Amino acid sequence: MSKDSLKIIEELKLRQGDTWRVLKIMSEFVQGFDELASVGPAVTFFGSSRSKEKDRYYRLAYETAFNLGKLGYAIITGGGPGIMEAANRGAYDSGAVSVGLNIEIPREQHPNRYQTLSLKFDYFFVRKVMLLKYSLVYVIFPGGFGTFDELFEALTLIQTGKSYKFPLILFGKEFWEPLLDYMRNYMVKFGTIDESDLDLMSLVDTPQEVVEIVYRRSKEKYKFLEKYYGEETNFMEKLRRIIRNHETSSHS
């Protein structure tokens, strides 16, 4: 598209003002809800878009997603390169649903090729809702500002009661321990958070630890839904099957 055409489009947007933006935002929410409603149970992965295939955490993200995918979980990522690609790739190779919620920014213009369901968003906050709403667990690998943004947004939502409590798994002790030490030694000390807030996060170093946390969360979720609904829904049926797959694989 030419620069003149883009300029005309931007001028039209300005003239239409906030009404146009609201309609665009609504359309992105509707698309996301429609496409993702039947995806779960799912696990969302975050991490650096700059991680390369040879990197240790790329390989570990792949292995973690592959193991979860084999059990039947869908894997959701931001759809870009690096850790997101590794997780989508692990899901894809395991035969699981591999979801990429893409957004166009300078360093990741194109979706990775390991997505079985790919959505595109213009607004970060709409994308964040989709990453959160359909996930049982967050697995957060080493990353940059975007990864930290997702971590702290999730922590804030849980801490303030705006979201139900769910596991936030920090993968990579060498990367995350200094941050947790800072929270403990400064934020708790200065009274800006409570010591108990640190319990919202789990620190792991292996794919097996992630699988066990996700398994425990799945059992808790199933029991809650069983009590709430009284009868088994389609989501619960899939969750029960995943739990059974895990128990079978653990005893084999």
C-alpha atoms as a PDB file:
ATOM      1  CA  MET A   1       0.000   0.000   0.000  1.00  0.00           C
ATOM      2  CA  SER A   2       1.382   3.416  -0.950  1.00  0.00           C
ATOM      3  CA  LYS A   3       2.214   6.154   1.549  1.00  0.00           C
ATOM      4  CA  ASP A   4      -0.541   8.329   0.061  1.00  0.00           C
ATOM      5  CA  SER A   5      -3.123   5.572   0.590  1.00  0.00           C
ATOM      6  CA  LEU A   6      -2.006   5.048   4.190  1.00  0.00           C
ATOM      7  CA  LYS A   7      -2.216   8.788   4.784  1.00  0.00           C
ATOM      8  CA  ILE A   8      -5.792   8.891   3.477  1.00  0.00           C
ATOM      9  CA  ILE A   9      -6.788   5.965   5.716  1.00  0.00           C
ATOM     10  CA  GLU A  10      -5.274   7.642   8.770  1.00  0.00           C
ATOM     11  CA  GLU A  11      -7.093  10.890   7.982  1.00  0.00           C
ATOM     12  CA  LEU A  12     -10.388   8.977   7.728  1.00  0.00           C
ATOM     13  CA  LYS A  13      -9.713   7.356  11.069  1.00  0.00           C
ATOM     14  CA  LEU A  14      -9.075  10.740  12.665  1.00  0.00           C
ATOM     15  CA  ARG A  15     -12.307  12.119  11.256  1.00  0.00           C
ATOM     16  CA  GLN A  16     -14.296   9.178  12.483  1.00  0.00           C
ATOM     17  CA  GLY A  17     -12.652   9.600  15.888  1.00  0.00           C
ATOM     18  CA  ASP A  18     -13.267   7.361  18.866  1.00  0.00           C
ATOM     19  CA  THR A  19     -16.374   5.758  17.377  1.00  0.00           C
ATOM     20  CA  TRP A  20     -14.278   4.022  14.733  1.00  0.00           C
ATOM     21  CA  ARG A  21     -11.808   2.824  17.382  1.00  0.00           C
ATOM     22  CA  VAL A  22     -14.553   1.439  19.607  1.00  0.00           C
ATOM     23  CA  LEU A  23     -16.033  -0.530  16.718  1.00  0.00           C
ATOM     24  CA  LYS A  24     -12.605  -1.882  15.778  1.00  0.00           C
ATOM     25  CA  ILE A  25     -11.905  -2.889  19.377  1.00  0.00           C
ATOM     26  CA  MET A  26     -15.306  -4.596  19.604  1.00  0.00           C
ATOM     27  CA  SER A  27     -14.666  -6.506  16.389  1.00  0.00           C
ATOM     28  CA  GLU A  28     -11.360  -7.823  17.765  1.00  0.00           C
ATOM     29  CA  PHE A  29     -13.038  -8.994  20.976  1.00  0.00           C
ATOM     30  CA  VAL A  30     -15.839 -10.708  19.039  1.00  0.00           C
ATOM     31  CA  GLN A  31     -13.369 -12.441  16.731  1.00  0.00           C
ATOM     32  CA  GLY A  32     -11.252 -13.618  19.659  1.00  0.00           C
ATOM     33  CA  PHE A  33     -14.198 -14.925  21.669  1.00  0.00           C
ATOM     34  CA  ASP A  34     -15.641 -16.752  18.652  1.00  0.00           C
ATOM     35  CA  GLU A  35     -12.373 -18.377  17.594  1.00  0.00           C
ATOM     36  CA  LEU A  36     -11.099 -19.373  21.039  1.00  0.00           C
ATOM     37  CA  ALA A  37     -14.297 -20.424  22.813  1.00  0.00           C
ATOM     38  CA  SER A  38     -13.721 -24.134  22.211  1.00  0.00           C
ATOM     39  CA  VAL A  39      -9.901 -24.189  22.349  1.00  0.00           C
ATOM     40  CA  GLY A  40      -9.317 -25.096  26.011  1.00  0.00           C
ATOM     41  CA  PRO A  41      -8.030 -26.554  28.214  1.00  0.00           C
ATOM     42  CA  ALA A  42      -4.990 -24.493  27.306  1.00  0.00           C
ATOM     43  CA  VAL A  43      -1.644 -23.329  28.664  1.00  0.00           C
ATOM     44  CA  THR A  44      -0.193 -19.953  27.668  1.00  0.00           C
ATOM     45  CA  PHE A  45       3.532 -19.463  27.091  1.00  0.00           C
ATOM     46  CA  PHE A  46       5.441 -16.176  27.268  1.00  0.00           C
ATOM     47  CA  GLY A  47       9.089 -15.406  26.672  1.00  0.00           C
ATOM     48  CA  SER A  48      11.593 -13.561  24.564  1.00  0.00           C
ATOM     49  CA  SER A  49      10.972 -13.157  20.843  1.00  0.00           C
ATOM     50  CA  ARG A  50      14.764 -12.937  20.438  1.00  0.00           C
ATOM     51  CA  SER A  51      15.536 -16.472  21.589  1.00  0.00           C
ATOM     52  CA  LYS A  52      17.166 -18.560  18.841  1.00  0.00           C
ATOM     53  CA  GLU A  53      16.667 -22.218  17.991  1.00  0.00           C
ATOM     54  CA  LYS A  54      20.034 -23.181  19.483  1.00  0.00           C
ATOM     55  CA  ASP A  55      19.301 -21.437  22.788  1.00  0.00           C
ATOM     56  CA  ARG A  56      18.722 -23.541  25.898  1.00  0.00           C
ATOM     57  CA  TYR A  57      15.400 -21.938  26.769  1.00  0.00           C
ATOM     58  CA  TYR A  58      14.108 -22.359  23.221  1.00  0.00           C
ATOM     59  CA  ARG A  59      14.723 -26.096  23.523  1.00  0.00           C
ATOM     60  CA  LEU A  60      13.160 -26.245  26.988  1.00  0.00           C
ATOM     61  CA  ALA A  61      10.083 -24.311  25.845  1.00  0.00           C
ATOM     62  CA  TYR A  62       9.724 -26.734  22.940  1.00  0.00           C
ATOM     63  CA  GLU A  63      10.002 -29.760  25.237  1.00  0.00           C
ATOM     64  CA  THR A  64       7.554 -28.334  27.771  1.00  0.00           C
ATOM     65  CA  ALA A  65       4.937 -27.525  25.124  1.00  0.00           C
ATOM     66  CA  PHE A  66       5.446 -30.906  23.438  1.00  0.00           C
ATOM     67  CA  ASN A  67       4.875 -32.768  26.719  1.00  0.00           C
ATOM     68  CA  LEU A  68       1.757 -30.751  27.528  1.00  0.00           C
ATOM     69  CA  GLY A  69       0.477 -31.138  23.972  1.00  0.00           C
ATOM     70  CA  LYS A  70       0.861 -34.906  24.155  1.00  0.00           C
ATOM     71  CA  LEU A  71      -1.400 -34.919  27.196  1.00  0.00           C
ATOM     72  CA  GLY A  72      -4.056 -32.981  25.278  1.00  0.00           C
ATOM     73  CA  TYR A  73      -3.567 -29.352  26.275  1.00  0.00           C
ATOM     74  CA  ALA A  74      -3.802 -26.630  23.664  1.00  0.00           C
ATOM     75  CA  ILE A  75      -0.844 -24.251  23.654  1.00  0.00           C
ATOM     76  CA  ILE A  76      -1.343 -20.495  23.292  1.00  0.00           C
ATOM     77  CA  THR A  77       1.401 -17.961  22.536  1.00  0.00           C
ATOM     78  CA  GLY A  78       1.776 -14.487  21.136  1.00  0.00           C
ATOM     79  CA  GLY A  79       2.468 -16.090  17.766  1.00  0.00           C
ATOM     80  CA  GLY A  80       5.890 -14.579  17.135  1.00  0.00           C
ATOM     81  CA  PRO A  81       9.435 -15.955  16.986  1.00  0.00           C
ATOM     82  CA  GLY A  82      11.708 -17.070  19.826  1.00  0.00           C
ATOM     83  CA  ILE A  83      10.088 -18.724  22.829  1.00  0.00           C
ATOM     84  CA  MET A  84       6.657 -18.300  21.224  1.00  0.00           C
ATOM     85  CA  GLU A  85       7.815 -20.205  18.152  1.00  0.00           C
ATOM     86  CA  ALA A  86       9.373 -22.909  20.326  1.00  0.00           C
ATOM     87  CA  ALA A  87       6.121 -23.443  22.234  1.00  0.00           C
ATOM     88  CA  ASN A  88       3.963 -23.419  19.094  1.00  0.00           C
ATOM     89  CA  ARG A  89       6.423 -25.804  17.468  1.00  0.00           C
ATOM     90  CA  GLY A  90       6.294 -28.214  20.408  1.00  0.00           C
ATOM     91  CA  ALA A  91       2.495 -28.160  20.333  1.00  0.00           C
ATOM     92  CA  TYR A  92       2.426 -28.599  16.555  1.00  0.00           C
ATOM     93  CA  ASP A  93       4.812 -31.565  16.637  1.00  0.00           C
ATOM     94  CA  SER A  94       2.798 -33.210  19.417  1.00  0.00           C
ATOM     95  CA  GLY A  95      -0.402 -32.958  17.381  1.00  0.00           C
ATOM     96  CA  ALA A  96      -2.020 -30.500  19.791  1.00  0.00           C
ATOM     97  CA  VAL A  97      -3.896 -27.308  18.993  1.00  0.00           C
ATOM     98  CA  SER A  98      -1.255 -24.605  18.536  1.00  0.00           C
ATOM     99  CA  VAL A  99      -2.658 -21.075  18.877  1.00  0.00           C
ATOM    100  CA  GLY A 100      -0.859 -17.864  17.946  1.00  0.00           C
ATOM    101  CA  LEU A 101      -2.341 -14.514  18.966  1.00  0.00           C
ATOM    102  CA  ASN A 102      -0.302 -12.267  16.734  1.00  0.00           C
ATOM    103  CA  ILE A 103       0.277  -8.537  16.841  1.00  0.00           C
ATOM    104  CA  GLU A 104       2.211  -6.465  14.348  1.00  0.00           C
ATOM    105  CA  ILE A 105       5.275  -4.853  15.917  1.00  0.00           C
ATOM    106  CA  PRO A 106       8.697  -4.106  14.375  1.00  0.00           C
ATOM    107  CA  ARG A 107      10.603  -7.166  15.615  1.00  0.00           C
ATOM    108  CA  GLU A 108       7.951  -9.793  14.806  1.00  0.00           C
ATOM    109  CA  GLN A 109       6.070  -8.844  11.678  1.00  0.00           C
ATOM    110  CA  HIS A 110       5.030 -12.362  10.647  1.00  0.00           C
ATOM    111  CA  PRO A 111       3.433 -15.256  12.547  1.00  0.00           C
ATOM    112  CA  ASN A 112       5.616 -18.300  13.129  1.00  0.00           C
ATOM    113  CA  ARG A 113       4.697 -21.249  10.927  1.00  0.00           C
ATOM    114  CA  TYR A 114       3.776 -23.672  13.712  1.00  0.00           C
ATOM    115  CA  GLN A 115       0.256 -22.415  14.370  1.00  0.00           C
ATOM    116  CA  THR A 116      -2.883 -24.418  13.693  1.00  0.00           C
ATOM    117  CA  LEU A 117      -5.000 -21.414  14.718  1.00  0.00           C
ATOM    118  CA  SER A 118      -3.696 -17.916  14.044  1.00  0.00           C
ATOM    119  CA  LEU A 119      -5.404 -14.661  15.010  1.00  0.00           C
ATOM    120  CA  LYS A 120      -4.189 -11.125  14.432  1.00  0.00           C
ATOM    121  CA  PHE A 121      -4.769  -8.173  16.776  1.00  0.00           C
ATOM    122  CA  ASP A 122      -4.058  -4.476  16.485  1.00  0.00           C
ATOM    123  CA  TYR A 123      -4.601  -3.726  20.175  1.00  0.00           C
ATOM    124  CA  PHE A 124      -2.333  -5.119  22.883  1.00  0.00           C
ATOM    125  CA  PHE A 125      -5.019  -4.999  25.566  1.00  0.00           C
ATOM    126  CA  VAL A 126      -7.480  -7.082  23.511  1.00  0.00           C
ATOM    127  CA  ARG A 127      -4.753  -9.618  22.873  1.00  0.00           C
ATOM    128  CA  LYS A 128      -3.938  -9.729  26.601  1.00  0.00           C
ATOM    129  CA  VAL A 129      -7.546 -10.592  27.434  1.00  0.00           C
ATOM    130  CA  MET A 130      -7.439 -13.505  24.987  1.00  0.00           C
ATOM    131  CA  LEU A 131      -4.119 -14.767  26.336  1.00  0.00           C
ATOM    132  CA  LEU A 132      -5.550 -14.757  29.854  1.00  0.00           C
ATOM    133  CA  LYS A 133      -9.182 -15.782  29.408  1.00  0.00           C
ATOM    134  CA  TYR A 134      -8.682 -19.202  27.863  1.00  0.00           C
ATOM    135  CA  SER A 135      -5.646 -20.378  29.823  1.00  0.00           C
ATOM    136  CA  LEU A 136      -5.383 -22.582  32.922  1.00  0.00           C
ATOM    137  CA  VAL A 137      -1.754 -21.658  33.567  1.00  0.00           C
ATOM    138  CA  TYR A 138       0.884 -19.127  32.465  1.00  0.00           C
ATOM    139  CA  VAL A 139       4.382 -20.465  31.754  1.00  0.00           C
ATOM    140  CA  ILE A 140       6.767 -17.529  31.621  1.00  0.00           C
ATOM    141  CA  PHE A 141      10.235 -18.008  30.176  1.00  0.00           C
ATOM    142  CA  PRO A 142      13.017 -15.393  30.257  1.00  0.00           C
ATOM    143  CA  GLY A 143      12.028 -12.353  28.225  1.00  0.00           C
ATOM    144  CA  GLY A 144      12.006  -8.619  27.862  1.00  0.00           C
ATOM    145  CA  PHE A 145       9.580  -5.784  28.513  1.00  0.00           C
ATOM    146  CA  GLY A 146       6.630  -7.569  26.891  1.00  0.00           C
ATOM    147  CA  THR A 147       7.158 -10.686  29.005  1.00  0.00           C
ATOM    148  CA  PHE A 148       7.451  -8.610  32.179  1.00  0.00           C
ATOM    149  CA  ASP A 149       4.335  -6.683  31.204  1.00  0.00           C
ATOM    150  CA  GLU A 150       2.343  -9.914  30.949  1.00  0.00           C
ATOM    151  CA  LEU A 151       3.725 -11.230  34.245  1.00  0.00           C
ATOM    152  CA  PHE A 152       2.962  -8.087  36.225  1.00  0.00           C
ATOM    153  CA  GLU A 153      -0.453  -7.630  34.645  1.00  0.00           C
ATOM    154  CA  ALA A 154      -1.380 -11.176  35.687  1.00  0.00           C
ATOM    155  CA  LEU A 155      -0.001 -10.591  39.183  1.00  0.00           C
ATOM    156  CA  THR A 156      -1.983  -7.366  39.500  1.00  0.00           C
ATOM    157  CA  LEU A 157      -5.228  -8.974  38.361  1.00  0.00           C
ATOM    158  CA  ILE A 158      -4.873 -11.842  40.825  1.00  0.00           C
ATOM    159  CA  GLN A 159      -3.683  -9.653  43.707  1.00  0.00           C
ATOM    160  CA  THR A 160      -6.620  -7.239  43.296  1.00  0.00           C
ATOM    161  CA  GLY A 161      -9.178 -10.003  42.866  1.00  0.00           C
ATOM    162  CA  LYS A 162     -10.021  -9.043  39.285  1.00  0.00           C
ATOM    163  CA  SER A 163      -8.998 -12.497  38.116  1.00  0.00           C
ATOM    164  CA  TYR A 164      -9.303 -15.911  39.719  1.00  0.00           C
ATOM    165  CA  LYS A 165      -6.037 -17.242  41.129  1.00  0.00           C
ATOM    166  CA  PHE A 166      -4.143 -19.404  38.672  1.00  0.00           C
ATOM    167  CA  PRO A 167      -0.528 -20.638  38.510  1.00  0.00           C
ATOM    168  CA  LEU A 168       2.158 -18.277  37.208  1.00  0.00           C
ATOM    169  CA  ILE A 169       5.161 -20.486  36.478  1.00  0.00           C
ATOM    170  CA  LEU A 170       8.512 -18.749  36.120  1.00  0.00           C
ATOM    171  CA  PHE A 171      10.793 -21.005  34.091  1.00  0.00           C
ATOM    172  CA  GLY A 172      14.522 -20.492  34.635  1.00  0.00           C
ATOM    173  CA  LYS A 173      15.852 -19.924  38.123  1.00  0.00           C
ATOM    174  CA  GLU A 174      19.005 -18.138  36.971  1.00  0.00           C
ATOM    175  CA  PHE A 175      16.868 -15.506  35.246  1.00  0.00           C
ATOM    176  CA  TRP A 176      13.973 -15.072  37.682  1.00  0.00           C
ATOM    177  CA  GLU A 177      15.585 -15.522  41.122  1.00  0.00           C
ATOM    178  CA  PRO A 178      17.160 -12.019  41.140  1.00  0.00           C
ATOM    179  CA  LEU A 179      13.728 -10.510  40.443  1.00  0.00           C
ATOM    180  CA  LEU A 180      12.129 -12.511  43.253  1.00  0.00           C
ATOM    181  CA  ASP A 181      14.982 -11.501  45.571  1.00  0.00           C
ATOM    182  CA  TYR A 182      14.329  -7.851  44.713  1.00  0.00           C
ATOM    183  CA  MET A 183      10.626  -8.257  45.461  1.00  0.00           C
ATOM    184  CA  ARG A 184      11.389  -9.969  48.765  1.00  0.00           C
ATOM    185  CA  ASN A 185      14.198  -7.647  49.900  1.00  0.00           C
ATOM    186  CA  TYR A 186      12.779  -4.335  48.720  1.00  0.00           C
ATOM    187  CA  MET A 187       9.101  -4.438  47.766  1.00  0.00           C
ATOM    188  CA  VAL A 188       8.087  -6.474  50.821  1.00  0.00           C
ATOM    189  CA  LYS A 189      10.463  -4.479  53.015  1.00  0.00           C
ATOM    190  CA  PHE A 190       8.966  -1.176  51.855  1.00  0.00           C
ATOM    191  CA  GLY A 191       5.449  -2.499  52.289  1.00  0.00           C
ATOM    192  CA  THR A 192       4.439  -2.181  48.642  1.00  0.00           C
ATOM    193  CA  ILE A 193       3.509  -5.877  48.461  1.00  0.00           C
ATOM    194  CA  ASP A 194       2.880  -8.608  51.032  1.00  0.00           C
ATOM    195  CA  GLU A 195       5.201 -11.552  51.593  1.00  0.00           C
ATOM    196  CA  SER A 196       2.304 -13.821  50.621  1.00  0.00           C
ATOM    197  CA  ASP A 197       2.141 -12.191  47.173  1.00  0.00           C
ATOM    198  CA  LEU A 198       5.352 -14.011  46.287  1.00  0.00           C
ATOM    199  CA  ASP A 199       3.443 -17.281  46.636  1.00  0.00           C
ATOM    200  CA  LEU A 200       1.492 -16.384  43.501  1.00  0.00           C
ATOM    201  CA  MET A 201       4.538 -17.474  41.482  1.00  0.00           C
ATOM    202  CA  SER A 202       6.230 -20.855  41.147  1.00  0.00           C
ATOM    203  CA  LEU A 203       9.888 -21.100  40.146  1.00  0.00           C
ATOM    204  CA  VAL A 204      10.941 -24.130  38.076  1.00  0.00           C
ATOM    205  CA  ASP A 205      13.830 -25.374  35.977  1.00  0.00           C
ATOM    206  CA  THR A 206      12.442 -28.426  34.152  1.00  0.00           C
ATOM    207  CA  PRO A 207       9.542 -29.300  31.849  1.00  0.00           C
ATOM    208  CA  GLN A 208       8.519 -32.056  34.263  1.00  0.00           C
ATOM    209  CA  GLU A 209       7.905 -29.527  37.045  1.00  0.00           C
ATOM    210  CA  VAL A 210       5.665 -27.525  34.722  1.00  0.00           C
ATOM    211  CA  VAL A 211       3.642 -30.603  33.777  1.00  0.00           C
ATOM    212  CA  GLU A 212       3.084 -31.486  37.444  1.00  0.00           C
ATOM    213  CA  ILE A 213       1.883 -27.972  38.317  1.00  0.00           C
ATOM    214  CA  VAL A 214      -0.453 -27.911  35.315  1.00  0.00           C
ATOM    215  CA  TYR A 215      -1.767 -31.353  36.291  1.00  0.00           C
ATOM    216  CA  ARG A 216      -2.544 -30.225  39.850  1.00  0.00           C
ATOM    217  CA  ARG A 217      -4.236 -27.090  38.532  1.00  0.00           C
ATOM    218  CA  SER A 218      -6.301 -29.205  36.136  1.00  0.00           C
ATOM    219  CA  LYS A 219      -7.580 -31.410  38.947  1.00  0.00           C
ATOM    220  CA  GLU A 220      -8.491 -28.367  41.036  1.00  0.00           C
ATOM    221  CA  LYS A 221     -10.272 -26.776  38.080  1.00  0.00           C
ATOM    222  CA  TYR A 222     -12.218 -29.941  37.321  1.00  0.00           C
ATOM    223  CA  LYS A 223     -13.404 -30.298  40.923  1.00  0.00           C
ATOM    224  CA  PHE A 224     -14.476 -26.646  40.990  1.00  0.00           C
ATOM    225  CA  LEU A 225     -16.412 -26.939  37.720  1.00  0.00           C
ATOM    226  CA  GLU A 226     -17.987 -30.226  38.811  1.00  0.00           C
ATOM    227  CA  LYS A 227     -19.298 -28.542  41.942  1.00  0.00           C
ATOM    228  CA  TYR A 228     -20.376 -25.419  40.043  1.00  0.00           C
ATOM    229  CA  TYR A 229     -22.142 -27.056  37.083  1.00  0.00           C
ATOM    230  CA  GLY A 230     -23.251 -30.343  38.590  1.00  0.00           C
ATOM    231  CA  GLU A 231     -22.933 -32.070  35.235  1.00  0.00           C
ATOM    232  CA  GLU A 232     -20.042 -32.504  32.835  1.00  0.00           C
ATOM    233  CA  THR A 233     -19.570 -29.893  30.101  1.00  0.00           C
ATOM    234  CA  ASN A 234     -17.536 -30.362  26.927  1.00  0.00           C
ATOM    235  CA  PHE A 235     -14.625 -28.489  28.509  1.00  0.00           C
ATOM    236  CA  MET A 236     -14.794 -30.695  31.600  1.00  0.00           C
ATOM    237  CA  GLU A 237     -14.851 -33.835  29.465  1.00  0.00           C
ATOM    238  CA  LYS A 238     -11.654 -32.753  27.717  1.00  0.00           C
ATOM    239  CA  LEU A 239     -10.081 -31.826  31.046  1.00  0.00           C
ATOM    240  CA  ARG A 240     -10.978 -35.202  32.557  1.00  0.00           C
ATOM    241  CA  ARG A 241      -9.439 -36.956  29.559  1.00  0.00           C
ATOM    242  CA  ILE A 242      -6.221 -34.957  29.983  1.00  0.00           C
ATOM    243  CA  ILE A 243      -6.047 -35.805  33.689  1.00  0.00           C
ATOM    244  CA  ARG A 244      -6.497 -39.485  32.848  1.00  0.00           C
ATOM    245  CA  ASN A 245      -3.768 -39.260  30.173  1.00  0.00           C
ATOM    246  CA  HIS A 246      -1.367 -37.808  32.728  1.00  0.00           C
ATOM    247  CA  GLU A 247      -2.135 -40.469  35.320  1.00  0.00           C
ATOM    248  CA  THR A 248      -1.743 -43.215  32.726  1.00  0.00           C
ATOM    249  CA  SER A 249       1.597 -41.869  31.499  1.00  0.00           C
ATOM    250  CA  SER A 250       2.862 -41.464  35.073  1.00  0.00           C
ATOM    251  CA  HIS A 251       2.215 -45.135  35.850  1.00  0.00           C
ATOM    252  CA  SER A 252       3.589 -46.553  32.621  1.00  0.00           C
END
